[in-house]
C-alpha cells in the first residue's frame, strides 16, 4: 500500500505547530506526568502500535488513562471500567492526547488527518474502507472532534468492536474522505481552531458538572 505524501507546506506547518506547542505546554506536560504517577503509578505514558501512512506501523504516545495491564476490547466506550478516575478527566479534556505532538514532530502523524488505528482493527476494516491507511493519521480531525459522541455509542454494546467496525468506521471514513479531498493549509488551520473550541467546551462542561455536584459526592470536586 503506497502512502500519500504530505505537501511541503503541510509538513512545515506540522513541525512549527508541534514544536511550538511542546515548548509552550512543557509545564503542563510535566504536571500531567506527575499526576498520572501519583494517582496511577508507572508507566506514565501509554505506548501502542498504530497503523500509519502506507500501512506502516509506528509507536503512538499518550498519557496513560487506563489501569495498567487490563485486558478488553480494542475500542474504549464513554464509561469503560478500565479508565481511571484521572484518566476519565484527561480523556474528557483531550489532555491524554498531548504527547502525540511528539509523533507529529517525528512525522508519524500530522496535525489533521484520520484517527490513528490499532493494527488489529485496521486489518479488519472492510476493503472499501482500507484506502484511509494510505494517509498519515492526525492528532485531530473531523472524526476526533466527535470522539465523545462516538465513544458514548459504544457503551452497552455486547460486541463494541463489531459495532465500531460495521457502524462507526463507515461514518469515520466518509468524514475523512471529505476533509482529505481538500486538505489545504487553510482547512487544516480551520480544523485546529475547531479543536481548540472542542477542548474548551470539554473544560466548560467539566466545570459545570463539578459545580452541580455537591462536595463529598463521588465524582464531585472534593
N, C-alpha and C. Protein backbone atom coordinates (compact mmCIF):
# COMPACT_ATOMS: atom_id res chain seq x y z
N UNK A 1 0.85 -1.20 0.00
CA UNK A 1 0.00 0.00 0.00
C UNK A 1 0.88 1.24 0.00
N UNK A 2 0.73 2.07 -1.01
CA UNK A 2 1.56 3.28 -1.11
C UNK A 2 0.99 4.40 -0.26
N UNK A 3 1.89 5.16 0.36
CA UNK A 3 1.48 6.27 1.21
C UNK A 3 1.28 7.53 0.38
N UNK A 4 0.30 8.34 0.79
CA UNK A 4 0.09 9.65 0.17
C UNK A 4 0.96 10.66 0.91
N UNK A 5 1.94 11.27 0.24
CA UNK A 5 2.84 12.19 0.94
C UNK A 5 2.16 13.51 1.29
N UNK A 6 2.66 14.13 2.36
CA UNK A 6 2.21 15.46 2.71
C UNK A 6 2.88 16.49 1.80
N UNK A 7 2.20 17.58 1.55
CA UNK A 7 2.83 18.67 0.81
C UNK A 7 3.88 19.33 1.72
N UNK A 8 4.92 19.95 1.14
CA UNK A 8 5.92 20.64 1.96
C UNK A 8 5.31 21.68 2.90
N UNK A 9 4.26 22.37 2.44
CA UNK A 9 3.63 23.39 3.28
C UNK A 9 2.99 22.76 4.51
N UNK A 10 2.31 21.62 4.34
CA UNK A 10 1.66 20.95 5.47
C UNK A 10 2.69 20.38 6.43
N UNK A 11 3.78 19.83 5.90
CA UNK A 11 4.81 19.27 6.78
C UNK A 11 5.48 20.39 7.58
N UNK A 12 5.74 21.52 6.94
CA UNK A 12 6.31 22.66 7.65
C UNK A 12 5.37 23.12 8.76
N UNK A 13 4.07 23.17 8.45
CA UNK A 13 3.09 23.57 9.46
C UNK A 13 3.09 22.60 10.63
N UNK A 14 3.18 21.30 10.34
CA UNK A 14 3.25 20.30 11.40
C UNK A 14 4.41 20.57 12.35
N UNK A 15 5.59 20.80 11.77
CA UNK A 15 6.79 20.98 12.58
C UNK A 15 6.70 22.24 13.43
N UNK A 16 6.26 23.33 12.81
CA UNK A 16 6.19 24.61 13.53
C UNK A 16 5.18 24.53 14.68
N UNK A 17 3.99 24.01 14.41
CA UNK A 17 2.95 23.96 15.44
C UNK A 17 3.31 22.97 16.54
N UNK A 18 3.78 21.77 16.18
CA UNK A 18 4.10 20.77 17.18
C UNK A 18 5.24 21.23 18.07
N UNK A 19 6.29 21.78 17.49
CA UNK A 19 7.43 22.25 18.28
C UNK A 19 7.03 23.39 19.19
N UNK A 20 6.24 24.32 18.68
CA UNK A 20 5.79 25.46 19.48
C UNK A 20 4.94 24.99 20.66
N UNK A 21 4.00 24.08 20.40
CA UNK A 21 3.14 23.61 21.48
C UNK A 21 3.90 22.79 22.51
N UNK A 22 4.85 21.98 22.06
CA UNK A 22 5.65 21.21 23.02
C UNK A 22 6.42 22.13 23.96
N UNK A 23 6.94 23.23 23.43
CA UNK A 23 7.68 24.18 24.26
C UNK A 23 6.75 24.95 25.18
N UNK A 24 5.66 25.47 24.64
CA UNK A 24 4.74 26.28 25.44
C UNK A 24 4.03 25.46 26.51
N UNK A 25 3.71 24.23 26.20
CA UNK A 25 2.94 23.39 27.12
C UNK A 25 3.81 22.49 27.98
N UNK A 26 5.12 22.66 27.94
CA UNK A 26 6.00 21.78 28.71
C UNK A 26 5.69 21.78 30.21
N UNK A 27 5.35 22.93 30.84
CA UNK A 27 4.97 22.87 32.27
C UNK A 27 3.72 22.01 32.49
N UNK A 28 2.74 22.12 31.60
CA UNK A 28 1.52 21.32 31.72
C UNK A 28 1.83 19.84 31.52
N UNK A 29 2.70 19.52 30.58
CA UNK A 29 3.07 18.13 30.34
C UNK A 29 3.74 17.53 31.57
N UNK A 30 4.61 18.29 32.21
CA UNK A 30 5.28 17.80 33.43
C UNK A 30 4.26 17.59 34.54
N UNK A 31 3.33 18.54 34.69
CA UNK A 31 2.30 18.42 35.72
C UNK A 31 1.44 17.19 35.49
N UNK A 32 1.01 16.96 34.27
CA UNK A 32 0.17 15.80 33.97
C UNK A 32 0.93 14.50 34.21
N UNK A 33 2.22 14.49 33.88
CA UNK A 33 3.03 13.29 34.13
C UNK A 33 3.10 13.00 35.62
N UNK A 34 3.25 14.05 36.43
CA UNK A 34 3.29 13.86 37.88
C UNK A 34 1.95 13.36 38.41
N UNK A 35 0.86 13.90 37.90
CA UNK A 35 -0.47 13.48 38.35
C UNK A 35 -0.72 12.01 38.02
N UNK A 36 -0.33 11.59 36.83
CA UNK A 36 -0.51 10.18 36.47
C UNK A 36 0.33 9.29 37.38
N UNK A 37 1.55 9.71 37.66
CA UNK A 37 2.44 8.92 38.53
C UNK A 37 1.87 8.78 39.93
N UNK A 38 1.38 9.89 40.48
CA UNK A 38 0.86 9.89 41.86
C UNK A 38 -0.43 9.08 41.97
N UNK A 39 -1.32 9.20 40.99
CA UNK A 39 -2.63 8.56 41.09
C UNK A 39 -2.66 7.13 40.55
N UNK A 40 -1.78 6.83 39.59
CA UNK A 40 -1.85 5.51 38.94
C UNK A 40 -0.54 4.77 38.89
N UNK A 41 0.54 5.42 39.31
CA UNK A 41 1.84 4.78 39.24
C UNK A 41 2.41 4.82 37.82
N UNK A 42 3.42 4.02 37.61
CA UNK A 42 4.05 3.94 36.30
C UNK A 42 3.49 2.77 35.51
N UNK A 43 3.58 2.82 34.18
CA UNK A 43 4.22 3.84 33.35
C UNK A 43 3.32 5.06 33.18
N UNK A 44 3.94 6.21 32.97
CA UNK A 44 3.19 7.44 32.76
C UNK A 44 2.61 7.48 31.37
N UNK A 45 3.41 7.06 30.40
CA UNK A 45 2.97 7.09 29.01
C UNK A 45 2.42 5.74 28.57
N UNK A 46 1.40 5.81 27.78
CA UNK A 46 0.82 4.63 27.13
C UNK A 46 1.41 4.55 25.73
N UNK A 47 2.06 3.45 25.45
CA UNK A 47 2.67 3.25 24.13
C UNK A 47 1.94 2.12 23.42
N UNK A 48 1.59 2.35 22.18
CA UNK A 48 0.85 1.34 21.43
C UNK A 48 1.16 1.47 19.95
N UNK A 49 1.26 0.33 19.28
CA UNK A 49 1.47 0.34 17.84
C UNK A 49 0.19 0.78 17.13
N UNK A 50 0.35 1.66 16.18
CA UNK A 50 -0.76 2.12 15.36
C UNK A 50 -0.37 2.02 13.88
N UNK A 51 -1.37 2.03 13.03
CA UNK A 51 -1.15 1.94 11.59
C UNK A 51 -0.98 3.34 11.01
N UNK A 52 0.18 3.57 10.40
CA UNK A 52 0.46 4.88 9.82
C UNK A 52 0.28 4.90 8.32
N UNK A 53 0.82 5.92 7.69
CA UNK A 53 0.67 6.09 6.24
C UNK A 53 1.30 4.93 5.49
N UNK A 54 0.57 4.43 4.51
CA UNK A 54 1.06 3.30 3.73
C UNK A 54 1.00 1.98 4.46
N UNK A 55 0.28 1.95 5.59
CA UNK A 55 0.16 0.73 6.37
C UNK A 55 1.35 0.45 7.26
N UNK A 56 2.33 1.37 7.32
CA UNK A 56 3.50 1.19 8.17
C UNK A 56 3.14 1.50 9.63
N UNK A 57 3.56 0.61 10.53
CA UNK A 57 3.23 0.80 11.94
C UNK A 57 4.22 1.75 12.62
N UNK A 58 3.73 2.44 13.64
CA UNK A 58 4.57 3.32 14.45
C UNK A 58 4.08 3.26 15.89
N UNK A 59 4.91 3.74 16.80
CA UNK A 59 4.54 3.76 18.22
C UNK A 59 3.89 5.08 18.57
N UNK A 60 2.65 5.02 19.02
CA UNK A 60 1.89 6.22 19.41
C UNK A 60 2.04 6.42 20.92
N UNK A 61 2.12 7.68 21.32
CA UNK A 61 2.29 8.03 22.73
C UNK A 61 1.07 8.80 23.25
N UNK A 62 0.62 8.40 24.43
CA UNK A 62 -0.46 9.11 25.12
C UNK A 62 -0.16 9.06 26.60
N UNK A 63 -0.74 10.00 27.37
CA UNK A 63 -0.72 9.84 28.81
C UNK A 63 -1.62 8.65 29.16
N UNK A 64 -1.14 7.79 30.04
CA UNK A 64 -1.91 6.60 30.38
C UNK A 64 -3.19 7.00 31.12
N UNK A 65 -4.32 6.55 30.59
CA UNK A 65 -5.62 6.88 31.19
C UNK A 65 -6.36 5.64 31.66
N UNK A 66 -5.76 4.46 31.46
CA UNK A 66 -6.42 3.22 31.85
C UNK A 66 -5.54 2.47 32.85
N UNK A 67 -6.15 1.57 33.59
CA UNK A 67 -5.41 0.77 34.56
C UNK A 67 -4.41 -0.12 33.83
N UNK A 68 -3.23 -0.19 34.37
CA UNK A 68 -2.16 -0.92 33.70
C UNK A 68 -2.45 -2.42 33.67
N UNK A 69 -2.31 -3.01 32.48
CA UNK A 69 -2.45 -4.45 32.35
C UNK A 69 -3.86 -4.96 32.19
N UNK A 70 -4.84 -4.07 32.09
CA UNK A 70 -6.24 -4.51 31.94
C UNK A 70 -6.51 -4.93 30.50
N UNK A 71 -7.06 -6.13 30.35
CA UNK A 71 -7.43 -6.60 29.02
C UNK A 71 -8.84 -6.12 28.68
N UNK A 72 -9.18 -6.17 27.40
CA UNK A 72 -10.51 -5.75 26.99
C UNK A 72 -10.54 -5.48 25.51
N UNK A 73 -11.67 -4.97 25.01
CA UNK A 73 -11.80 -4.68 23.58
C UNK A 73 -10.83 -3.60 23.13
N UNK A 74 -10.58 -3.56 21.81
CA UNK A 74 -9.65 -2.59 21.25
C UNK A 74 -10.21 -1.21 21.09
N UNK A 75 -11.48 -1.01 21.47
CA UNK A 75 -12.10 0.31 21.44
C UNK A 75 -12.58 0.63 22.86
N UNK A 76 -12.65 1.91 23.16
CA UNK A 76 -12.98 2.34 24.52
C UNK A 76 -14.27 3.15 24.51
N UNK A 77 -15.25 2.69 25.29
CA UNK A 77 -16.52 3.39 25.41
C UNK A 77 -16.44 4.56 26.36
N UNK A 78 -17.51 5.32 26.42
CA UNK A 78 -17.53 6.50 27.28
C UNK A 78 -17.52 6.17 28.75
N UNK A 79 -17.95 4.97 29.14
CA UNK A 79 -17.96 4.58 30.56
C UNK A 79 -17.20 3.27 30.76
N UNK A 80 -16.09 3.11 30.07
CA UNK A 80 -15.28 1.91 30.16
C UNK A 80 -14.70 1.78 31.56
N UNK A 81 -14.91 0.64 32.24
CA UNK A 81 -14.42 0.49 33.62
C UNK A 81 -12.90 0.43 33.72
N UNK A 82 -12.21 0.25 32.61
CA UNK A 82 -10.74 0.21 32.63
C UNK A 82 -10.14 1.60 32.82
N UNK A 83 -10.91 2.64 32.57
CA UNK A 83 -10.40 4.01 32.63
C UNK A 83 -10.32 4.45 34.09
N UNK A 84 -9.19 5.03 34.48
CA UNK A 84 -9.02 5.53 35.84
C UNK A 84 -9.81 6.82 36.04
N UNK A 85 -9.93 7.24 37.29
CA UNK A 85 -10.67 8.48 37.57
C UNK A 85 -9.97 9.67 36.93
N UNK A 86 -8.63 9.74 37.09
CA UNK A 86 -7.89 10.81 36.43
C UNK A 86 -7.96 10.65 34.91
N UNK A 87 -7.88 9.39 34.45
CA UNK A 87 -7.93 9.13 33.02
C UNK A 87 -9.23 9.61 32.40
N UNK A 88 -10.33 9.47 33.15
CA UNK A 88 -11.62 9.95 32.64
C UNK A 88 -11.57 11.45 32.40
N UNK A 89 -10.95 12.17 33.33
CA UNK A 89 -10.82 13.62 33.17
C UNK A 89 -9.90 13.96 32.00
N UNK A 90 -8.79 13.27 31.92
CA UNK A 90 -7.85 13.52 30.83
C UNK A 90 -8.51 13.30 29.47
N UNK A 91 -9.30 12.23 29.37
CA UNK A 91 -9.98 11.93 28.11
C UNK A 91 -11.04 12.98 27.79
N UNK A 92 -11.78 13.40 28.82
CA UNK A 92 -12.84 14.36 28.60
C UNK A 92 -12.28 15.69 28.10
N UNK A 93 -11.09 16.03 28.57
CA UNK A 93 -10.47 17.29 28.18
C UNK A 93 -9.46 17.11 27.04
N UNK A 94 -9.33 15.88 26.54
CA UNK A 94 -8.40 15.56 25.45
C UNK A 94 -6.94 15.79 25.82
N UNK A 95 -6.63 15.83 27.11
CA UNK A 95 -5.26 16.07 27.55
C UNK A 95 -4.39 14.83 27.40
N UNK A 96 -5.00 13.66 27.37
CA UNK A 96 -4.21 12.44 27.20
C UNK A 96 -3.53 12.38 25.84
N UNK A 97 -4.03 13.16 24.88
CA UNK A 97 -3.51 13.14 23.52
C UNK A 97 -2.26 14.01 23.33
N UNK A 98 -1.94 14.85 24.30
CA UNK A 98 -0.86 15.84 24.11
C UNK A 98 0.48 15.23 23.72
N UNK A 99 0.89 14.07 24.28
CA UNK A 99 2.18 13.51 23.86
C UNK A 99 2.25 13.16 22.38
N UNK A 100 1.13 13.09 21.70
CA UNK A 100 1.15 12.78 20.27
C UNK A 100 1.75 13.92 19.45
N UNK A 101 1.96 15.07 20.07
CA UNK A 101 2.66 16.14 19.36
C UNK A 101 4.07 15.68 19.01
N UNK A 102 4.64 14.78 19.82
CA UNK A 102 5.94 14.22 19.50
C UNK A 102 5.84 13.36 18.24
N UNK A 103 4.73 12.62 18.11
CA UNK A 103 4.51 11.83 16.90
C UNK A 103 4.39 12.73 15.66
N UNK A 104 3.75 13.89 15.84
CA UNK A 104 3.62 14.83 14.73
C UNK A 104 5.00 15.38 14.36
N UNK A 105 5.80 15.74 15.37
CA UNK A 105 7.13 16.28 15.12
C UNK A 105 8.01 15.25 14.42
N UNK A 106 7.89 13.99 14.79
CA UNK A 106 8.67 12.91 14.18
C UNK A 106 8.24 12.59 12.76
N UNK A 107 6.99 12.94 12.43
CA UNK A 107 6.49 12.63 11.10
C UNK A 107 5.63 11.38 11.04
N UNK A 108 5.39 10.74 12.21
CA UNK A 108 4.49 9.58 12.24
C UNK A 108 3.06 10.00 11.96
N UNK A 109 2.73 11.21 12.42
CA UNK A 109 1.38 11.74 12.31
C UNK A 109 1.45 13.14 11.74
N UNK A 110 0.27 13.68 11.45
CA UNK A 110 0.14 15.06 11.00
C UNK A 110 -0.86 15.76 11.91
N UNK A 111 -0.99 17.07 11.79
CA UNK A 111 -1.91 17.79 12.68
C UNK A 111 -3.35 17.34 12.48
N UNK A 112 -3.78 17.24 11.23
CA UNK A 112 -5.17 16.91 10.93
C UNK A 112 -5.19 15.75 9.93
N UNK A 113 -5.89 14.70 10.30
CA UNK A 113 -5.98 13.54 9.43
C UNK A 113 -6.86 12.48 10.05
N UNK A 114 -6.91 11.29 9.48
CA UNK A 114 -7.72 10.21 10.04
C UNK A 114 -7.22 9.79 11.42
N UNK A 115 -8.11 9.19 12.18
CA UNK A 115 -7.74 8.70 13.50
C UNK A 115 -6.71 7.58 13.37
N UNK A 116 -5.63 7.61 14.18
CA UNK A 116 -4.65 6.52 14.13
C UNK A 116 -5.25 5.23 14.69
N UNK A 117 -5.26 4.19 13.88
CA UNK A 117 -5.95 2.95 14.22
C UNK A 117 -4.98 1.87 14.71
N UNK A 118 -5.43 1.01 15.62
CA UNK A 118 -4.61 -0.12 16.06
C UNK A 118 -4.57 -1.15 14.93
N UNK A 119 -3.42 -1.81 14.74
CA UNK A 119 -3.27 -2.71 13.59
C UNK A 119 -4.31 -3.82 13.52
N UNK A 120 -4.71 -4.38 14.66
CA UNK A 120 -5.68 -5.47 14.62
C UNK A 120 -7.01 -5.01 14.03
N UNK A 121 -7.48 -3.85 14.45
CA UNK A 121 -8.73 -3.32 13.90
C UNK A 121 -8.54 -2.86 12.46
N UNK A 122 -7.36 -2.30 12.16
CA UNK A 122 -7.10 -1.84 10.79
C UNK A 122 -7.21 -3.00 9.80
N UNK A 123 -6.71 -4.15 10.18
CA UNK A 123 -6.77 -5.32 9.29
C UNK A 123 -8.20 -5.81 9.08
N UNK A 124 -9.10 -5.44 10.00
CA UNK A 124 -10.48 -5.90 9.92
C UNK A 124 -11.41 -4.89 9.25
N UNK A 125 -10.86 -3.77 8.80
CA UNK A 125 -11.67 -2.82 8.04
C UNK A 125 -12.14 -3.50 6.75
N UNK A 126 -13.35 -3.16 6.30
CA UNK A 126 -13.82 -3.66 5.02
C UNK A 126 -12.92 -3.12 3.91
N UNK A 127 -12.78 -3.87 2.81
CA UNK A 127 -11.90 -3.45 1.72
C UNK A 127 -12.18 -2.02 1.22
N UNK A 128 -13.47 -1.64 1.18
CA UNK A 128 -13.80 -0.31 0.66
C UNK A 128 -13.38 0.82 1.61
N UNK A 129 -12.94 0.47 2.82
CA UNK A 129 -12.50 1.49 3.77
C UNK A 129 -11.00 1.46 4.00
N UNK A 130 -10.30 0.50 3.40
CA UNK A 130 -8.86 0.35 3.62
C UNK A 130 -8.05 1.52 3.05
N UNK A 131 -8.63 2.26 2.12
CA UNK A 131 -7.91 3.37 1.50
C UNK A 131 -7.41 4.39 2.51
N UNK A 132 -8.10 4.47 3.64
CA UNK A 132 -7.77 5.51 4.62
C UNK A 132 -6.35 5.34 5.16
N UNK A 133 -5.81 4.11 5.09
CA UNK A 133 -4.48 3.86 5.64
C UNK A 133 -3.35 4.25 4.68
N UNK A 134 -3.71 4.82 3.54
CA UNK A 134 -2.70 5.41 2.67
C UNK A 134 -2.27 6.78 3.20
N UNK A 135 -3.11 7.35 4.08
CA UNK A 135 -2.89 8.72 4.56
C UNK A 135 -2.29 8.72 5.96
N UNK A 136 -1.53 9.76 6.24
CA UNK A 136 -0.92 9.92 7.55
C UNK A 136 -2.00 10.24 8.58
N UNK A 137 -2.05 9.51 9.71
CA UNK A 137 -3.08 9.79 10.72
C UNK A 137 -2.84 11.14 11.39
N UNK A 138 -3.93 11.69 11.95
CA UNK A 138 -3.86 13.03 12.50
C UNK A 138 -4.03 13.11 14.01
N UNK A 139 -3.40 14.12 14.59
CA UNK A 139 -3.60 14.43 16.01
C UNK A 139 -5.06 14.80 16.25
N UNK A 140 -5.62 15.52 15.31
CA UNK A 140 -7.04 15.83 15.35
C UNK A 140 -7.61 15.63 13.95
N UNK A 141 -8.89 15.83 13.81
CA UNK A 141 -9.55 15.64 12.53
C UNK A 141 -11.05 15.63 12.71
N UNK A 142 -11.80 15.54 11.65
CA UNK A 142 -13.26 15.54 11.76
C UNK A 142 -13.79 14.45 12.68
N UNK A 143 -13.18 13.27 12.63
CA UNK A 143 -13.64 12.17 13.48
C UNK A 143 -13.27 12.39 14.94
N UNK A 144 -12.04 12.88 15.17
CA UNK A 144 -11.60 13.13 16.54
C UNK A 144 -12.47 14.17 17.22
N UNK A 145 -13.04 15.08 16.44
CA UNK A 145 -13.90 16.12 17.02
C UNK A 145 -15.27 15.57 17.42
N UNK A 146 -15.53 14.33 17.10
CA UNK A 146 -16.76 13.67 17.55
C UNK A 146 -16.45 12.48 18.45
N UNK A 147 -15.24 12.47 19.01
CA UNK A 147 -14.80 11.30 19.78
C UNK A 147 -15.69 11.02 20.99
N UNK A 148 -16.16 12.07 21.67
CA UNK A 148 -17.02 11.84 22.83
C UNK A 148 -18.32 11.17 22.42
N UNK A 149 -18.92 11.65 21.34
CA UNK A 149 -20.18 11.07 20.87
C UNK A 149 -19.98 9.64 20.38
N UNK A 150 -18.89 9.40 19.64
CA UNK A 150 -18.62 8.05 19.16
C UNK A 150 -18.37 7.09 20.31
N UNK A 151 -17.62 7.53 21.33
CA UNK A 151 -17.34 6.68 22.48
C UNK A 151 -18.62 6.33 23.23
N UNK A 152 -19.52 7.29 23.36
CA UNK A 152 -20.79 7.04 24.06
C UNK A 152 -21.62 5.98 23.34
N UNK A 153 -21.51 5.93 22.01
CA UNK A 153 -22.29 4.96 21.25
C UNK A 153 -21.82 3.52 21.49
N UNK A 154 -20.61 3.35 22.02
CA UNK A 154 -20.09 2.01 22.28
C UNK A 154 -20.58 1.44 23.60
N UNK A 155 -21.04 2.30 24.50
CA UNK A 155 -21.47 1.85 25.82
C UNK A 155 -22.64 0.89 25.71
N UNK A 156 -22.54 -0.21 26.42
CA UNK A 156 -23.63 -1.18 26.48
C UNK A 156 -23.72 -2.11 25.29
N UNK A 157 -22.82 -2.00 24.33
CA UNK A 157 -22.85 -2.89 23.17
C UNK A 157 -22.28 -4.26 23.55
N UNK A 158 -22.97 -5.36 23.18
CA UNK A 158 -22.44 -6.69 23.51
C UNK A 158 -21.10 -6.96 22.83
N UNK A 159 -20.88 -6.39 21.65
CA UNK A 159 -19.61 -6.54 20.94
C UNK A 159 -19.22 -5.16 20.41
N UNK A 160 -18.56 -4.34 21.24
CA UNK A 160 -18.24 -2.97 20.81
C UNK A 160 -17.33 -2.90 19.59
N UNK A 161 -16.44 -3.88 19.44
CA UNK A 161 -15.55 -3.85 18.27
C UNK A 161 -16.34 -4.07 16.98
N UNK A 162 -17.29 -4.99 17.00
CA UNK A 162 -18.11 -5.24 15.82
C UNK A 162 -18.94 -4.01 15.47
N UNK A 163 -19.53 -3.37 16.49
CA UNK A 163 -20.31 -2.17 16.24
C UNK A 163 -19.42 -1.07 15.67
N UNK A 164 -18.23 -0.95 16.22
CA UNK A 164 -17.29 0.06 15.73
C UNK A 164 -16.97 -0.16 14.26
N UNK A 165 -16.66 -1.41 13.89
CA UNK A 165 -16.25 -1.72 12.53
C UNK A 165 -17.39 -1.62 11.52
N UNK A 166 -18.58 -2.02 11.94
CA UNK A 166 -19.69 -2.06 10.98
C UNK A 166 -20.48 -0.76 10.92
N UNK A 167 -20.53 -0.01 12.01
CA UNK A 167 -21.36 1.20 12.06
C UNK A 167 -20.54 2.49 12.07
N UNK A 168 -19.50 2.53 12.89
CA UNK A 168 -18.77 3.79 13.06
C UNK A 168 -17.69 3.99 12.00
N UNK A 169 -16.99 2.92 11.61
CA UNK A 169 -15.93 3.08 10.61
C UNK A 169 -16.46 3.65 9.30
N UNK A 170 -17.60 3.19 8.77
CA UNK A 170 -18.12 3.83 7.54
C UNK A 170 -18.37 5.33 7.71
N UNK A 171 -18.87 5.74 8.88
CA UNK A 171 -19.09 7.17 9.13
C UNK A 171 -17.76 7.91 9.20
N UNK A 172 -16.79 7.31 9.90
CA UNK A 172 -15.49 7.94 10.06
C UNK A 172 -14.79 8.13 8.71
N UNK A 173 -14.74 7.08 7.91
CA UNK A 173 -14.03 7.19 6.64
C UNK A 173 -14.71 8.16 5.69
N UNK A 174 -16.02 8.27 5.76
CA UNK A 174 -16.72 9.25 4.92
C UNK A 174 -16.35 10.67 5.34
N UNK A 175 -16.25 10.90 6.64
CA UNK A 175 -15.84 12.22 7.13
C UNK A 175 -14.40 12.51 6.76
N UNK A 176 -13.53 11.49 6.87
CA UNK A 176 -12.12 11.67 6.50
C UNK A 176 -11.99 11.99 5.01
N UNK A 177 -12.77 11.28 4.19
CA UNK A 177 -12.70 11.50 2.74
C UNK A 177 -13.06 12.93 2.37
N UNK A 178 -14.06 13.47 3.05
CA UNK A 178 -14.48 14.84 2.76
C UNK A 178 -13.37 15.83 3.09
N UNK A 179 -12.70 15.63 4.23
CA UNK A 179 -11.61 16.54 4.58
C UNK A 179 -10.41 16.36 3.66
N UNK A 180 -10.01 15.11 3.42
CA UNK A 180 -8.81 14.84 2.64
C UNK A 180 -8.93 15.30 1.19
N UNK A 181 -10.15 15.43 0.71
CA UNK A 181 -10.35 15.91 -0.66
C UNK A 181 -9.90 17.36 -0.82
N UNK A 182 -9.77 18.08 0.30
CA UNK A 182 -9.35 19.49 0.25
C UNK A 182 -8.52 19.81 1.49
N UNK A 183 -7.44 19.03 1.68
CA UNK A 183 -6.60 19.18 2.87
C UNK A 183 -5.57 20.27 2.66
N UNK A 184 -6.03 21.49 2.60
CA UNK A 184 -5.15 22.65 2.41
C UNK A 184 -4.71 23.19 3.77
N UNK A 185 -3.69 24.05 3.75
CA UNK A 185 -3.24 24.69 4.99
C UNK A 185 -4.39 25.43 5.65
N UNK A 186 -5.19 26.11 4.85
CA UNK A 186 -6.32 26.86 5.40
C UNK A 186 -7.30 25.94 6.12
N UNK A 187 -7.63 24.81 5.50
CA UNK A 187 -8.58 23.90 6.13
C UNK A 187 -7.99 23.19 7.33
N UNK A 188 -6.67 22.95 7.31
CA UNK A 188 -6.02 22.38 8.48
C UNK A 188 -6.11 23.35 9.66
N UNK A 189 -5.81 24.61 9.40
CA UNK A 189 -5.89 25.60 10.48
C UNK A 189 -7.32 25.77 10.97
N UNK A 190 -8.27 25.66 10.07
CA UNK A 190 -9.68 25.75 10.45
C UNK A 190 -10.04 24.59 11.39
N UNK A 191 -9.55 23.39 11.08
CA UNK A 191 -9.84 22.24 11.94
C UNK A 191 -9.13 22.36 13.29
N UNK A 192 -7.92 22.89 13.27
CA UNK A 192 -7.19 23.12 14.53
C UNK A 192 -7.97 24.10 15.40
N UNK A 193 -8.52 25.14 14.78
CA UNK A 193 -9.32 26.11 15.52
C UNK A 193 -10.56 25.45 16.12
N UNK A 194 -11.21 24.59 15.35
CA UNK A 194 -12.37 23.85 15.86
C UNK A 194 -11.98 22.93 17.01
N UNK A 195 -10.75 22.39 16.94
CA UNK A 195 -10.28 21.51 18.01
C UNK A 195 -10.09 22.28 19.30
N UNK A 196 -9.56 23.49 19.20
CA UNK A 196 -9.40 24.33 20.40
C UNK A 196 -10.76 24.58 21.04
N UNK A 197 -11.76 24.89 20.22
CA UNK A 197 -13.11 25.12 20.75
C UNK A 197 -13.68 23.83 21.36
N UNK A 198 -13.38 22.70 20.74
CA UNK A 198 -13.85 21.41 21.24
C UNK A 198 -13.26 21.12 22.62
N UNK A 199 -11.96 21.37 22.77
CA UNK A 199 -11.31 21.14 24.06
C UNK A 199 -11.86 22.09 25.11
N UNK A 200 -12.04 23.36 24.75
CA UNK A 200 -12.58 24.34 25.70
C UNK A 200 -14.00 23.98 26.11
N UNK A 201 -14.78 23.44 25.18
CA UNK A 201 -16.14 23.02 25.54
C UNK A 201 -16.10 21.90 26.56
N UNK A 202 -15.11 21.02 26.45
CA UNK A 202 -14.96 19.96 27.43
C UNK A 202 -14.60 20.52 28.79
N UNK A 203 -13.74 21.53 28.81
CA UNK A 203 -13.36 22.18 30.07
C UNK A 203 -14.59 22.82 30.72
N UNK A 204 -15.38 23.54 29.93
CA UNK A 204 -16.57 24.20 30.47
C UNK A 204 -17.59 23.19 30.96
N UNK A 205 -17.76 22.09 30.24
CA UNK A 205 -18.68 21.04 30.69
C UNK A 205 -18.23 20.44 32.01
N UNK A 206 -16.91 20.24 32.15
CA UNK A 206 -16.38 19.67 33.38
C UNK A 206 -16.57 20.64 34.55
N UNK A 207 -16.32 21.92 34.33
CA UNK A 207 -16.52 22.92 35.38
C UNK A 207 -17.98 22.95 35.79
N UNK A 208 -18.89 22.96 34.82
CA UNK A 208 -20.31 22.96 35.13
C UNK A 208 -20.75 21.72 35.87
N UNK A 209 -20.20 20.57 35.47
CA UNK A 209 -20.55 19.32 36.14
C UNK A 209 -20.12 19.33 37.60
N UNK A 210 -18.93 19.83 37.86
CA UNK A 210 -18.42 19.87 39.22
C UNK A 210 -19.18 20.87 40.08
N UNK A 211 -19.63 21.96 39.48
CA UNK A 211 -20.42 22.93 40.24
C UNK A 211 -21.78 22.37 40.61
N UNK A 212 -22.33 21.53 39.75
CA UNK A 212 -23.65 20.93 40.02
C UNK A 212 -23.57 19.77 41.01
N UNK A 213 -22.35 19.20 41.20
CA UNK A 213 -22.20 18.05 42.08
C UNK A 213 -21.83 18.51 43.47
N UNK A 214 -22.63 18.18 44.51
CA UNK A 214 -22.31 18.60 45.88
C UNK A 214 -20.97 18.04 46.31
N UNK A 215 -20.21 18.78 47.08
CA UNK A 215 -18.92 18.36 47.60
C UNK A 215 -19.14 17.13 48.48
N UNK A 216 -18.23 16.18 48.33
CA UNK A 216 -18.33 14.95 49.10
C UNK A 216 -19.04 13.84 48.36
N UNK A 217 -19.74 14.16 47.27
CA UNK A 217 -20.39 13.14 46.47
C UNK A 217 -19.38 12.56 45.51
N UNK A 218 -19.31 11.21 45.33
CA UNK A 218 -18.34 10.63 44.40
C UNK A 218 -18.44 11.27 43.03
N UNK A 219 -17.26 11.63 42.50
CA UNK A 219 -17.24 12.28 41.20
C UNK A 219 -17.31 13.80 41.33
N UNK A 220 -17.48 14.32 42.56
CA UNK A 220 -17.55 15.75 42.76
C UNK A 220 -16.18 16.37 42.85
N UNK A 221 -16.17 17.61 43.28
CA UNK A 221 -14.91 18.35 43.25
C UNK A 221 -14.10 18.22 44.51
N UNK A 222 -14.44 17.33 45.45
CA UNK A 222 -13.69 17.23 46.69
C UNK A 222 -12.41 16.45 46.49
